[in-house]
C-alpha cells in the first residue's frame, strides 16, 4: 500500500484528494495537513510514501515545507508531489528546486492524480508536459547550461538523445520504457548516463537543456 499525506489549506480540496486516494486499492491516506508547518511535522512523524503538497499555504508555504522535507542535506528525503495551478508557475519552479519529485495541475482528473502518486512513489520524477512547457518558456534562462555542457551533447548516443527527448516531453521512466520497448531499469541507466555526461543535477535541468538545444520545441 502507498501511504499518502495530503497537504492543502482548503478543506474542500483535501477532502476531494482523500476521497480519490481512499478509493484506490493500493493507497491509504496517512494524514492531512492544513499548512506547511503541520505538513513537515506530520511527514516526519508518519513517514508517508508520498507527500501531496499545495504551494500557497499559511504559516509555512509549500516551498519551504518541501525544502524542509526533501531539500539538499536532508537525511532520508520525502517524496513530494506538488499539485498546483498555472497562475503560480514561479512557485512551482522554486518547489522543484527545493526538492519536489514532480508536479501536477489541480485540474488533473482522478486517475491522472492517482497515477502521479504511483509514479512518485516508485522514485520517478513526474513533470506534467503542459506545465513543463510553460515553465521552460518563462524560466529556461535561469538554468543556462555552460558551454562545456552544450558541447557535451555530442557525447550522447542516438538512444540517449531519444531518451532525453522523451524526458523533456514529460514522460516517466515507465512511459519511456513502454515507448522504446525496453526495460524500466535500462531507462534508469540511460537517465543516469545522460545526467553524468551533460553534468546536469536532475531531470528538471535535463528538460531545460533539451529545450535550449532545440531537441524539443514548445509546441511538440
N, C-alpha and C. Protein backbone atom coordinates (compact mmCIF):
# COMPACT_ATOMS: atom_id res chain seq x y z
N UNK A 1 0.83 -1.21 0.00
CA UNK A 1 0.00 0.00 0.00
C UNK A 1 0.87 1.26 0.00
N UNK A 2 0.47 2.23 -0.78
CA UNK A 2 1.17 3.52 -0.83
C UNK A 2 0.49 4.46 0.17
N UNK A 3 1.23 4.90 1.17
CA UNK A 3 0.66 5.83 2.13
C UNK A 3 0.87 7.27 1.65
N UNK A 4 -0.18 8.07 1.76
CA UNK A 4 -0.16 9.43 1.22
C UNK A 4 -0.52 10.44 2.31
N UNK A 5 0.26 11.51 2.39
CA UNK A 5 -0.07 12.63 3.27
C UNK A 5 -0.58 13.76 2.40
N UNK A 6 -1.79 14.24 2.66
CA UNK A 6 -2.42 15.29 1.86
C UNK A 6 -2.25 16.63 2.56
N UNK A 7 -1.65 17.60 1.87
CA UNK A 7 -1.36 18.91 2.45
C UNK A 7 -1.96 20.02 1.60
N UNK A 8 -2.99 20.67 2.10
CA UNK A 8 -3.64 21.77 1.39
C UNK A 8 -4.43 22.57 2.41
N UNK A 9 -4.41 23.90 2.29
CA UNK A 9 -5.10 24.72 3.28
C UNK A 9 -6.61 24.78 3.05
N UNK A 10 -7.08 24.30 1.90
CA UNK A 10 -8.51 24.31 1.62
C UNK A 10 -9.11 22.95 1.95
N UNK A 11 -10.02 22.95 2.93
CA UNK A 11 -10.61 21.70 3.41
C UNK A 11 -11.32 20.93 2.29
N UNK A 12 -11.98 21.66 1.39
CA UNK A 12 -12.72 21.00 0.31
C UNK A 12 -11.78 20.23 -0.60
N UNK A 13 -10.63 20.82 -0.91
CA UNK A 13 -9.66 20.15 -1.78
C UNK A 13 -9.06 18.96 -1.06
N UNK A 14 -8.73 19.12 0.22
CA UNK A 14 -8.19 17.98 0.98
C UNK A 14 -9.18 16.82 0.97
N UNK A 15 -10.47 17.14 1.19
CA UNK A 15 -11.49 16.09 1.21
C UNK A 15 -11.57 15.39 -0.14
N UNK A 16 -11.48 16.16 -1.22
CA UNK A 16 -11.52 15.58 -2.56
C UNK A 16 -10.35 14.65 -2.81
N UNK A 17 -9.15 15.09 -2.42
CA UNK A 17 -7.97 14.25 -2.60
C UNK A 17 -8.07 12.97 -1.77
N UNK A 18 -8.50 13.12 -0.52
CA UNK A 18 -8.63 11.96 0.36
C UNK A 18 -9.60 10.95 -0.24
N UNK A 19 -10.71 11.44 -0.77
CA UNK A 19 -11.71 10.56 -1.38
C UNK A 19 -11.11 9.80 -2.56
N UNK A 20 -10.33 10.50 -3.39
CA UNK A 20 -9.69 9.87 -4.55
C UNK A 20 -8.70 8.80 -4.11
N UNK A 21 -7.85 9.12 -3.14
CA UNK A 21 -6.82 8.18 -2.73
C UNK A 21 -7.42 6.98 -1.99
N UNK A 22 -8.42 7.23 -1.16
CA UNK A 22 -9.05 6.14 -0.42
C UNK A 22 -9.76 5.16 -1.35
N UNK A 23 -10.13 5.65 -2.53
CA UNK A 23 -10.84 4.78 -3.49
C UNK A 23 -9.88 3.88 -4.26
N UNK A 24 -8.57 4.12 -4.12
CA UNK A 24 -7.58 3.31 -4.84
C UNK A 24 -7.26 2.06 -4.04
N UNK A 25 -7.22 0.91 -4.68
CA UNK A 25 -6.95 -0.35 -3.97
C UNK A 25 -5.53 -0.44 -3.40
N UNK A 26 -4.63 0.39 -3.93
CA UNK A 26 -3.23 0.30 -3.49
C UNK A 26 -2.78 1.52 -2.70
N UNK A 27 -3.73 2.33 -2.22
CA UNK A 27 -3.37 3.55 -1.48
C UNK A 27 -4.12 3.67 -0.17
N UNK A 28 -3.48 4.37 0.78
CA UNK A 28 -4.13 4.70 2.03
C UNK A 28 -3.69 6.10 2.44
N UNK A 29 -4.58 6.87 3.01
CA UNK A 29 -4.26 8.24 3.43
C UNK A 29 -3.71 8.19 4.85
N UNK A 30 -2.46 8.61 5.00
CA UNK A 30 -1.80 8.57 6.30
C UNK A 30 -2.23 9.73 7.19
N UNK A 31 -2.59 10.86 6.57
CA UNK A 31 -2.98 12.02 7.35
C UNK A 31 -3.25 13.22 6.47
N UNK A 32 -3.68 14.31 7.11
CA UNK A 32 -3.96 15.56 6.40
C UNK A 32 -3.31 16.72 7.14
N UNK A 33 -2.85 17.71 6.38
CA UNK A 33 -2.25 18.92 6.95
C UNK A 33 -2.84 20.14 6.28
N UNK A 34 -3.07 21.20 7.06
CA UNK A 34 -3.68 22.41 6.52
C UNK A 34 -2.68 23.53 6.31
N UNK A 35 -1.42 23.33 6.71
CA UNK A 35 -0.39 24.34 6.46
C UNK A 35 0.97 23.64 6.38
N UNK A 36 1.97 24.38 5.94
CA UNK A 36 3.28 23.78 5.72
C UNK A 36 3.95 23.25 6.97
N UNK A 37 3.83 23.99 8.05
CA UNK A 37 4.47 23.54 9.29
C UNK A 37 3.87 22.23 9.77
N UNK A 38 2.54 22.14 9.69
CA UNK A 38 1.88 20.90 10.07
C UNK A 38 2.29 19.77 9.14
N UNK A 39 2.44 20.08 7.85
CA UNK A 39 2.85 19.08 6.87
C UNK A 39 4.22 18.51 7.21
N UNK A 40 5.16 19.38 7.56
CA UNK A 40 6.51 18.93 7.90
C UNK A 40 6.48 18.04 9.14
N UNK A 41 5.74 18.47 10.17
CA UNK A 41 5.66 17.69 11.39
C UNK A 41 5.04 16.32 11.17
N UNK A 42 3.94 16.28 10.42
CA UNK A 42 3.27 15.01 10.17
C UNK A 42 4.11 14.09 9.28
N UNK A 43 4.76 14.68 8.28
CA UNK A 43 5.59 13.87 7.37
C UNK A 43 6.75 13.22 8.12
N UNK A 44 7.35 13.97 9.02
CA UNK A 44 8.47 13.42 9.78
C UNK A 44 8.01 12.35 10.76
N UNK A 45 6.80 12.50 11.27
CA UNK A 45 6.29 11.52 12.25
C UNK A 45 5.69 10.30 11.57
N UNK A 46 4.90 10.53 10.50
CA UNK A 46 4.19 9.43 9.85
C UNK A 46 5.00 8.73 8.77
N UNK A 47 5.98 9.45 8.21
CA UNK A 47 6.82 8.93 7.12
C UNK A 47 6.01 8.30 5.99
N UNK A 48 5.13 9.08 5.36
CA UNK A 48 4.33 8.56 4.24
C UNK A 48 5.22 8.28 3.03
N UNK A 49 4.71 7.46 2.13
CA UNK A 49 5.45 7.18 0.90
C UNK A 49 5.49 8.40 -0.02
N UNK A 50 4.39 9.16 -0.04
CA UNK A 50 4.30 10.35 -0.88
C UNK A 50 3.60 11.46 -0.11
N UNK A 51 4.14 12.68 -0.22
CA UNK A 51 3.50 13.87 0.34
C UNK A 51 2.93 14.67 -0.82
N UNK A 52 1.61 14.83 -0.85
CA UNK A 52 0.96 15.64 -1.88
C UNK A 52 0.84 17.05 -1.32
N UNK A 53 1.55 18.00 -1.94
CA UNK A 53 1.77 19.32 -1.35
C UNK A 53 1.20 20.46 -2.19
N UNK A 54 0.37 21.29 -1.58
CA UNK A 54 -0.04 22.54 -2.19
C UNK A 54 1.12 23.52 -2.04
N UNK A 55 1.14 24.60 -2.80
CA UNK A 55 2.22 25.57 -2.71
C UNK A 55 1.88 26.70 -1.76
N UNK A 56 0.75 27.34 -1.98
CA UNK A 56 0.40 28.51 -1.16
C UNK A 56 -0.43 28.08 0.03
N UNK A 57 0.21 28.07 1.19
CA UNK A 57 -0.46 27.71 2.43
C UNK A 57 0.00 28.66 3.54
N UNK A 58 -0.81 28.82 4.59
CA UNK A 58 -0.43 29.71 5.68
C UNK A 58 0.65 29.11 6.58
N UNK A 59 1.18 29.95 7.48
CA UNK A 59 2.19 29.58 8.48
C UNK A 59 3.54 29.27 7.82
N UNK A 60 3.59 28.24 6.98
CA UNK A 60 4.76 27.90 6.17
C UNK A 60 4.26 27.46 4.81
N UNK A 61 4.77 28.07 3.74
CA UNK A 61 4.25 27.69 2.42
C UNK A 61 4.81 26.35 1.97
N UNK A 62 4.25 25.83 0.87
CA UNK A 62 4.64 24.52 0.39
C UNK A 62 6.08 24.44 -0.08
N UNK A 63 6.65 25.56 -0.52
CA UNK A 63 8.04 25.56 -0.96
C UNK A 63 8.97 25.31 0.21
N UNK A 64 8.76 26.07 1.30
CA UNK A 64 9.60 25.88 2.49
C UNK A 64 9.39 24.50 3.08
N UNK A 65 8.15 24.03 3.07
CA UNK A 65 7.86 22.70 3.60
C UNK A 65 8.57 21.63 2.76
N UNK A 66 8.54 21.81 1.45
CA UNK A 66 9.23 20.86 0.57
C UNK A 66 10.72 20.87 0.82
N UNK A 67 11.29 22.07 0.97
CA UNK A 67 12.73 22.18 1.23
C UNK A 67 13.10 21.49 2.55
N UNK A 68 12.24 21.64 3.55
CA UNK A 68 12.50 21.03 4.85
C UNK A 68 12.43 19.51 4.78
N UNK A 69 11.59 19.00 3.87
CA UNK A 69 11.38 17.55 3.77
C UNK A 69 12.26 16.87 2.74
N UNK A 70 12.66 17.61 1.70
CA UNK A 70 13.35 16.96 0.58
C UNK A 70 14.52 17.76 0.04
N UNK A 71 14.90 18.83 0.71
CA UNK A 71 15.95 19.70 0.21
C UNK A 71 17.34 19.13 0.38
N UNK A 72 18.32 19.88 -0.11
CA UNK A 72 19.73 19.47 -0.02
C UNK A 72 20.13 19.24 1.43
N UNK A 73 20.76 18.12 1.68
CA UNK A 73 21.25 17.83 3.02
C UNK A 73 20.26 17.13 3.92
N UNK A 74 19.03 16.94 3.45
CA UNK A 74 18.03 16.27 4.26
C UNK A 74 18.29 14.76 4.27
N UNK A 75 18.37 14.19 5.47
CA UNK A 75 18.55 12.75 5.59
C UNK A 75 17.22 12.05 5.32
N UNK A 76 17.23 11.03 4.50
CA UNK A 76 16.01 10.31 4.16
C UNK A 76 14.93 11.26 3.64
N UNK A 77 15.19 11.96 2.53
CA UNK A 77 14.23 12.94 2.00
C UNK A 77 12.89 12.32 1.60
N UNK A 78 11.83 13.08 1.82
CA UNK A 78 10.49 12.62 1.45
C UNK A 78 10.29 12.77 -0.05
N UNK A 79 9.33 12.01 -0.58
CA UNK A 79 8.93 12.15 -1.98
C UNK A 79 7.74 13.09 -2.02
N UNK A 80 7.94 14.26 -2.58
CA UNK A 80 6.91 15.30 -2.58
C UNK A 80 6.36 15.51 -3.98
N UNK A 81 5.05 15.43 -4.11
CA UNK A 81 4.36 15.74 -5.36
C UNK A 81 3.62 17.05 -5.17
N UNK A 82 4.03 18.08 -5.89
CA UNK A 82 3.38 19.39 -5.81
C UNK A 82 2.17 19.38 -6.74
N UNK A 83 1.02 19.70 -6.21
CA UNK A 83 -0.20 19.78 -7.01
C UNK A 83 -0.68 21.22 -6.93
N UNK A 84 -0.65 21.91 -8.06
CA UNK A 84 -0.89 23.35 -8.03
C UNK A 84 -1.60 23.82 -9.28
N UNK A 85 -1.65 25.14 -9.48
CA UNK A 85 -2.34 25.73 -10.62
C UNK A 85 -1.39 26.55 -11.48
N UNK A 86 -1.82 26.88 -12.70
CA UNK A 86 -0.97 27.60 -13.64
C UNK A 86 -0.53 28.96 -13.13
N UNK A 87 -1.35 29.61 -12.32
CA UNK A 87 -1.05 31.01 -12.01
C UNK A 87 0.05 31.19 -10.98
N UNK A 88 0.70 30.10 -10.58
CA UNK A 88 1.83 30.23 -9.66
C UNK A 88 3.03 29.45 -10.19
N UNK A 89 3.33 29.64 -11.46
CA UNK A 89 4.44 28.95 -12.10
C UNK A 89 5.75 29.11 -11.33
N UNK A 90 6.04 30.35 -10.91
CA UNK A 90 7.32 30.59 -10.26
C UNK A 90 7.43 29.80 -8.97
N UNK A 91 6.34 29.67 -8.25
CA UNK A 91 6.35 28.88 -7.02
C UNK A 91 6.64 27.41 -7.33
N UNK A 92 6.08 26.90 -8.42
CA UNK A 92 6.32 25.52 -8.80
C UNK A 92 7.79 25.33 -9.14
N UNK A 93 8.34 26.27 -9.89
CA UNK A 93 9.76 26.22 -10.24
C UNK A 93 10.61 26.16 -8.98
N UNK A 94 10.32 27.02 -8.02
CA UNK A 94 11.09 27.04 -6.79
C UNK A 94 10.88 25.76 -5.99
N UNK A 95 9.68 25.20 -6.03
CA UNK A 95 9.40 23.96 -5.31
C UNK A 95 10.23 22.82 -5.88
N UNK A 96 10.38 22.76 -7.20
CA UNK A 96 11.20 21.73 -7.82
C UNK A 96 12.66 21.90 -7.41
N UNK A 97 13.11 23.13 -7.35
CA UNK A 97 14.47 23.40 -6.90
C UNK A 97 14.63 23.01 -5.43
N UNK A 98 13.54 23.09 -4.68
CA UNK A 98 13.59 22.75 -3.26
C UNK A 98 13.61 21.24 -3.02
N UNK A 99 13.38 20.46 -4.07
CA UNK A 99 13.49 19.02 -3.92
C UNK A 99 12.24 18.22 -4.25
N UNK A 100 11.20 18.87 -4.75
CA UNK A 100 9.98 18.13 -5.10
C UNK A 100 10.27 17.11 -6.19
N UNK A 101 9.60 15.97 -6.12
CA UNK A 101 9.80 14.91 -7.11
C UNK A 101 9.04 15.20 -8.40
N UNK A 102 8.09 16.12 -8.36
CA UNK A 102 7.33 16.44 -9.55
C UNK A 102 6.16 17.34 -9.24
N UNK A 103 5.39 17.64 -10.27
CA UNK A 103 4.22 18.48 -10.05
C UNK A 103 3.12 18.14 -11.03
N UNK A 104 1.92 18.50 -10.65
CA UNK A 104 0.73 18.21 -11.44
C UNK A 104 -0.25 19.36 -11.24
N UNK A 105 -1.11 19.56 -12.21
CA UNK A 105 -2.12 20.61 -12.08
C UNK A 105 -3.31 20.11 -11.28
N UNK A 106 -3.94 21.02 -10.56
CA UNK A 106 -5.10 20.65 -9.74
C UNK A 106 -6.31 20.26 -10.59
N UNK A 107 -6.29 20.60 -11.87
CA UNK A 107 -7.42 20.21 -12.71
C UNK A 107 -7.23 18.82 -13.33
N UNK A 108 -6.18 18.11 -12.90
CA UNK A 108 -5.98 16.74 -13.39
C UNK A 108 -7.15 15.87 -12.93
N UNK A 109 -7.53 14.91 -13.76
CA UNK A 109 -8.64 14.04 -13.37
C UNK A 109 -8.15 13.01 -12.35
N UNK A 110 -9.05 12.38 -11.60
CA UNK A 110 -8.67 11.45 -10.53
C UNK A 110 -7.70 10.36 -10.95
N UNK A 111 -7.91 9.68 -12.09
CA UNK A 111 -6.94 8.64 -12.47
C UNK A 111 -5.54 9.20 -12.69
N UNK A 112 -5.46 10.40 -13.27
CA UNK A 112 -4.15 11.02 -13.51
C UNK A 112 -3.46 11.35 -12.19
N UNK A 113 -4.24 11.86 -11.23
CA UNK A 113 -3.68 12.18 -9.92
C UNK A 113 -3.16 10.92 -9.23
N UNK A 114 -3.97 9.86 -9.27
CA UNK A 114 -3.56 8.61 -8.64
C UNK A 114 -2.31 8.04 -9.31
N UNK A 115 -2.25 8.10 -10.63
CA UNK A 115 -1.07 7.60 -11.34
C UNK A 115 0.17 8.44 -11.02
N UNK A 116 -0.04 9.74 -10.82
CA UNK A 116 1.08 10.61 -10.47
C UNK A 116 1.67 10.20 -9.12
N UNK A 117 0.81 9.89 -8.17
CA UNK A 117 1.27 9.44 -6.85
C UNK A 117 2.04 8.13 -6.99
N UNK A 118 1.54 7.22 -7.80
CA UNK A 118 2.24 5.94 -8.01
C UNK A 118 3.61 6.17 -8.64
N UNK A 119 3.68 7.07 -9.60
CA UNK A 119 4.94 7.37 -10.27
C UNK A 119 5.97 7.89 -9.28
N UNK A 120 5.56 8.85 -8.46
CA UNK A 120 6.47 9.43 -7.47
C UNK A 120 6.84 8.39 -6.41
N UNK A 121 5.90 7.56 -6.02
CA UNK A 121 6.17 6.53 -5.02
C UNK A 121 7.23 5.55 -5.52
N UNK A 122 7.28 5.33 -6.83
CA UNK A 122 8.29 4.43 -7.41
C UNK A 122 9.67 5.08 -7.46
N UNK A 123 9.74 6.34 -7.11
CA UNK A 123 11.02 7.03 -7.14
C UNK A 123 11.31 7.71 -8.45
N UNK A 124 10.31 7.85 -9.30
CA UNK A 124 10.49 8.51 -10.59
C UNK A 124 10.01 9.95 -10.51
N UNK A 125 10.68 10.83 -11.25
CA UNK A 125 10.24 12.22 -11.31
C UNK A 125 9.05 12.33 -12.24
N UNK A 126 8.16 13.25 -11.92
CA UNK A 126 6.97 13.45 -12.75
C UNK A 126 6.88 14.91 -13.14
N UNK A 127 6.91 15.17 -14.45
CA UNK A 127 6.79 16.53 -14.97
C UNK A 127 5.61 16.57 -15.93
N UNK A 128 4.54 17.20 -15.54
CA UNK A 128 3.38 17.31 -16.41
C UNK A 128 3.79 18.06 -17.68
N UNK A 129 3.63 17.47 -18.86
CA UNK A 129 4.13 18.09 -20.10
C UNK A 129 3.68 19.53 -20.32
N UNK A 130 2.40 19.81 -20.13
CA UNK A 130 1.91 21.16 -20.38
C UNK A 130 2.57 22.18 -19.45
N UNK A 131 2.73 21.80 -18.19
CA UNK A 131 3.34 22.71 -17.23
C UNK A 131 4.82 22.83 -17.51
N UNK A 132 5.45 21.74 -17.92
CA UNK A 132 6.87 21.78 -18.26
C UNK A 132 7.13 22.81 -19.35
N UNK A 133 6.30 22.78 -20.39
CA UNK A 133 6.49 23.73 -21.49
C UNK A 133 6.32 25.17 -21.00
N UNK A 134 5.35 25.39 -20.14
CA UNK A 134 5.11 26.75 -19.64
C UNK A 134 6.29 27.23 -18.80
N UNK A 135 6.80 26.35 -17.94
CA UNK A 135 7.94 26.72 -17.11
C UNK A 135 9.17 26.97 -17.96
N UNK A 136 9.40 26.11 -18.95
CA UNK A 136 10.58 26.28 -19.80
C UNK A 136 10.52 27.63 -20.49
N UNK A 137 9.34 28.00 -20.97
CA UNK A 137 9.19 29.26 -21.67
C UNK A 137 9.54 30.46 -20.80
N UNK A 138 9.28 30.36 -19.50
CA UNK A 138 9.49 31.51 -18.62
C UNK A 138 10.80 31.47 -17.84
N UNK A 139 11.33 30.26 -17.59
CA UNK A 139 12.46 30.16 -16.67
C UNK A 139 13.69 29.44 -17.20
N UNK A 140 13.68 29.06 -18.47
CA UNK A 140 14.82 28.31 -19.01
C UNK A 140 16.13 29.07 -18.85
N UNK A 141 16.11 30.39 -18.99
CA UNK A 141 17.35 31.17 -18.91
C UNK A 141 17.94 31.14 -17.51
N UNK A 142 17.18 30.72 -16.52
CA UNK A 142 17.72 30.67 -15.16
C UNK A 142 18.60 29.45 -14.95
N UNK A 143 18.50 28.45 -15.83
CA UNK A 143 19.34 27.27 -15.72
C UNK A 143 20.07 27.11 -17.05
N UNK A 144 20.97 28.02 -17.31
CA UNK A 144 21.66 28.05 -18.60
C UNK A 144 22.84 27.08 -18.57
N UNK A 145 22.83 26.05 -19.41
CA UNK A 145 23.96 25.11 -19.43
C UNK A 145 25.24 25.83 -19.84
N UNK A 146 26.34 25.43 -19.23
CA UNK A 146 27.62 26.02 -19.59
C UNK A 146 27.99 25.58 -21.01
N UNK A 147 28.93 26.32 -21.61
CA UNK A 147 29.34 25.99 -22.98
C UNK A 147 29.86 24.56 -23.05
N UNK A 148 30.58 24.14 -22.00
CA UNK A 148 31.11 22.78 -22.00
C UNK A 148 29.99 21.75 -21.96
N UNK A 149 28.90 22.10 -21.27
CA UNK A 149 27.76 21.18 -21.20
C UNK A 149 27.10 21.06 -22.56
N UNK A 150 26.91 22.21 -23.24
CA UNK A 150 26.31 22.21 -24.57
C UNK A 150 27.15 21.38 -25.53
N UNK A 151 28.47 21.53 -25.44
CA UNK A 151 29.36 20.77 -26.31
C UNK A 151 29.28 19.28 -26.02
N UNK A 152 28.98 18.94 -24.76
CA UNK A 152 28.97 17.54 -24.34
C UNK A 152 27.83 16.75 -24.98
N UNK A 153 26.85 17.44 -25.57
CA UNK A 153 25.73 16.72 -26.18
C UNK A 153 26.23 15.79 -27.27
N UNK A 154 27.37 16.13 -27.86
CA UNK A 154 27.95 15.27 -28.89
C UNK A 154 28.36 13.91 -28.35
N UNK A 155 28.51 13.81 -27.02
CA UNK A 155 28.92 12.55 -26.41
C UNK A 155 27.74 11.60 -26.22
N UNK A 156 26.53 12.11 -26.41
CA UNK A 156 25.35 11.27 -26.24
C UNK A 156 25.14 10.37 -27.45
N UNK A 157 24.75 9.15 -27.20
CA UNK A 157 24.43 8.23 -28.28
C UNK A 157 23.04 8.57 -28.84
N UNK A 158 22.70 8.09 -30.01
CA UNK A 158 21.36 8.35 -30.55
C UNK A 158 20.25 7.89 -29.60
N UNK A 159 20.45 6.76 -28.93
CA UNK A 159 19.44 6.28 -27.99
C UNK A 159 19.33 7.20 -26.79
N UNK A 160 20.45 7.71 -26.30
CA UNK A 160 20.43 8.63 -25.16
C UNK A 160 19.74 9.93 -25.54
N UNK A 161 19.95 10.39 -26.77
CA UNK A 161 19.26 11.59 -27.24
C UNK A 161 17.75 11.36 -27.29
N UNK A 162 17.34 10.16 -27.70
CA UNK A 162 15.92 9.85 -27.76
C UNK A 162 15.32 9.81 -26.35
N UNK A 163 16.05 9.23 -25.41
CA UNK A 163 15.58 9.20 -24.02
C UNK A 163 15.48 10.63 -23.47
N UNK A 164 16.46 11.46 -23.79
CA UNK A 164 16.43 12.85 -23.34
C UNK A 164 15.22 13.58 -23.90
N UNK A 165 14.91 13.34 -25.17
CA UNK A 165 13.74 13.98 -25.79
C UNK A 165 12.46 13.57 -25.08
N UNK A 166 12.35 12.31 -24.70
CA UNK A 166 11.15 11.81 -24.03
C UNK A 166 11.07 12.34 -22.59
N UNK A 167 12.21 12.50 -21.94
CA UNK A 167 12.22 13.12 -20.61
C UNK A 167 11.66 14.53 -20.71
N UNK A 168 12.13 15.26 -21.72
CA UNK A 168 11.69 16.64 -21.91
C UNK A 168 10.22 16.73 -22.27
N UNK A 169 9.67 15.65 -22.85
CA UNK A 169 8.25 15.62 -23.20
C UNK A 169 7.39 15.33 -21.98
N UNK A 170 8.04 15.06 -20.83
CA UNK A 170 7.30 14.85 -19.60
C UNK A 170 7.00 13.40 -19.28
N UNK A 171 7.61 12.46 -19.99
CA UNK A 171 7.34 11.05 -19.75
C UNK A 171 8.10 10.53 -18.52
N UNK A 172 7.48 9.64 -17.79
CA UNK A 172 8.14 8.98 -16.66
C UNK A 172 9.03 7.87 -17.21
N UNK A 173 9.85 7.29 -16.34
CA UNK A 173 10.71 6.18 -16.78
C UNK A 173 9.88 5.03 -17.34
N UNK A 174 8.78 4.73 -16.67
CA UNK A 174 7.91 3.64 -17.10
C UNK A 174 7.34 3.92 -18.49
N UNK A 175 6.91 5.16 -18.72
CA UNK A 175 6.36 5.53 -20.02
C UNK A 175 7.43 5.51 -21.11
N UNK A 176 8.64 5.94 -20.76
CA UNK A 176 9.75 5.89 -21.72
C UNK A 176 10.05 4.45 -22.09
N UNK A 177 10.05 3.58 -21.09
CA UNK A 177 10.32 2.17 -21.34
C UNK A 177 9.29 1.59 -22.31
N UNK A 178 8.03 1.93 -22.10
CA UNK A 178 6.97 1.42 -22.97
C UNK A 178 7.12 1.98 -24.38
N UNK A 179 7.47 3.27 -24.48
CA UNK A 179 7.61 3.91 -25.79
C UNK A 179 8.75 3.31 -26.60
N UNK A 180 9.85 3.00 -25.93
CA UNK A 180 11.04 2.48 -26.63
C UNK A 180 11.12 0.96 -26.61
N UNK A 181 10.15 0.34 -25.93
CA UNK A 181 10.11 -1.12 -25.80
C UNK A 181 11.41 -1.64 -25.18
N UNK A 182 11.76 -1.06 -24.05
CA UNK A 182 12.93 -1.51 -23.28
C UNK A 182 12.52 -1.59 -21.81
N UNK A 183 13.36 -2.14 -20.97
CA UNK A 183 13.05 -2.28 -19.56
C UNK A 183 13.18 -0.97 -18.79
N UNK A 184 12.44 -0.84 -17.70
CA UNK A 184 12.50 0.37 -16.87
C UNK A 184 13.89 0.56 -16.28
N UNK A 185 14.56 -0.54 -15.91
CA UNK A 185 15.90 -0.44 -15.35
C UNK A 185 16.88 0.08 -16.40
N UNK A 186 16.66 -0.32 -17.65
CA UNK A 186 17.50 0.18 -18.74
C UNK A 186 17.32 1.68 -18.90
N UNK A 187 16.08 2.15 -18.76
CA UNK A 187 15.82 3.58 -18.86
C UNK A 187 16.54 4.33 -17.74
N UNK A 188 16.49 3.79 -16.54
CA UNK A 188 17.18 4.43 -15.40
C UNK A 188 18.68 4.56 -15.69
N UNK A 189 19.23 3.53 -16.31
CA UNK A 189 20.65 3.57 -16.66
C UNK A 189 20.92 4.67 -17.67
N UNK A 190 20.07 4.77 -18.68
CA UNK A 190 20.22 5.84 -19.68
C UNK A 190 20.12 7.21 -19.03
N UNK A 191 19.15 7.40 -18.15
CA UNK A 191 18.97 8.69 -17.49
C UNK A 191 20.21 9.06 -16.69
N UNK A 192 20.75 8.11 -15.95
CA UNK A 192 21.96 8.37 -15.16
C UNK A 192 23.13 8.76 -16.05
N UNK A 193 23.27 8.06 -17.17
CA UNK A 193 24.36 8.38 -18.11
C UNK A 193 24.20 9.77 -18.69
N UNK A 194 22.97 10.12 -19.05
CA UNK A 194 22.70 11.44 -19.63
C UNK A 194 23.07 12.54 -18.64
N UNK A 195 22.62 12.41 -17.41
CA UNK A 195 22.92 13.43 -16.39
C UNK A 195 24.42 13.54 -16.16
N UNK A 196 25.10 12.40 -16.12
CA UNK A 196 26.54 12.40 -15.89
C UNK A 196 27.29 13.05 -17.06
N UNK A 197 26.94 12.64 -18.29
CA UNK A 197 27.65 13.16 -19.46
C UNK A 197 27.44 14.67 -19.64
N UNK A 198 26.23 15.14 -19.30
CA UNK A 198 25.92 16.56 -19.50
C UNK A 198 26.18 17.40 -18.25
N UNK A 199 26.63 16.74 -17.19
CA UNK A 199 26.91 17.43 -15.93
C UNK A 199 25.69 18.20 -15.44
N UNK A 200 24.54 17.51 -15.46
CA UNK A 200 23.29 18.10 -15.01
C UNK A 200 22.89 17.48 -13.67
N UNK A 201 22.20 18.26 -12.84
CA UNK A 201 21.86 17.82 -11.49
C UNK A 201 20.70 16.83 -11.46
N UNK A 202 19.68 17.08 -12.29
CA UNK A 202 18.48 16.26 -12.20
C UNK A 202 17.67 16.36 -13.48
N UNK A 203 16.49 15.72 -13.48
CA UNK A 203 15.65 15.69 -14.67
C UNK A 203 15.15 17.08 -15.05
N UNK A 204 14.94 17.93 -14.07
CA UNK A 204 14.46 19.28 -14.39
C UNK A 204 15.49 20.00 -15.25
N UNK A 205 16.76 19.92 -14.87
CA UNK A 205 17.80 20.55 -15.68
C UNK A 205 17.92 19.86 -17.04
N UNK A 206 17.67 18.56 -17.07
CA UNK A 206 17.72 17.84 -18.34
C UNK A 206 16.63 18.35 -19.28
N UNK A 207 15.45 18.61 -18.74
CA UNK A 207 14.35 19.15 -19.55
C UNK A 207 14.73 20.51 -20.11
N UNK A 208 15.26 21.38 -19.26
CA UNK A 208 15.68 22.71 -19.70
C UNK A 208 16.73 22.59 -20.80
N UNK A 209 17.70 21.72 -20.58
CA UNK A 209 18.77 21.53 -21.56
C UNK A 209 18.20 21.11 -22.91
N UNK A 210 17.27 20.15 -22.90
CA UNK A 210 16.68 19.65 -24.14
C UNK A 210 15.97 20.75 -24.92
N UNK A 211 15.26 21.62 -24.20
CA UNK A 211 14.56 22.72 -24.87
C UNK A 211 15.56 23.75 -25.40
N UNK A 212 16.60 24.01 -24.64
CA UNK A 212 17.54 25.06 -25.02
C UNK A 212 18.39 24.67 -26.23
N UNK A 213 18.64 23.38 -26.43
CA UNK A 213 19.43 22.97 -27.61
C UNK A 213 18.50 22.66 -28.79
N UNK A 214 17.19 22.83 -28.60
CA UNK A 214 16.26 22.61 -29.70
C UNK A 214 15.87 21.18 -29.92
N UNK A 215 16.21 20.29 -28.98
CA UNK A 215 15.83 18.89 -29.14
C UNK A 215 14.33 18.72 -29.06
N UNK A 216 13.68 19.59 -28.27
CA UNK A 216 12.23 19.61 -28.17
C UNK A 216 11.77 21.04 -28.34
N UNK A 217 10.71 21.25 -29.10
CA UNK A 217 10.14 22.57 -29.29
C UNK A 217 8.91 22.73 -28.41
N UNK A 218 8.62 23.94 -27.91
CA UNK A 218 7.47 24.15 -27.04
C UNK A 218 6.17 23.64 -27.60
N UNK A 219 6.04 23.61 -28.92
CA UNK A 219 4.79 23.14 -29.49
C UNK A 219 4.71 21.65 -29.72
N UNK A 220 5.79 20.93 -29.42
CA UNK A 220 5.81 19.49 -29.67
C UNK A 220 4.85 18.76 -28.75
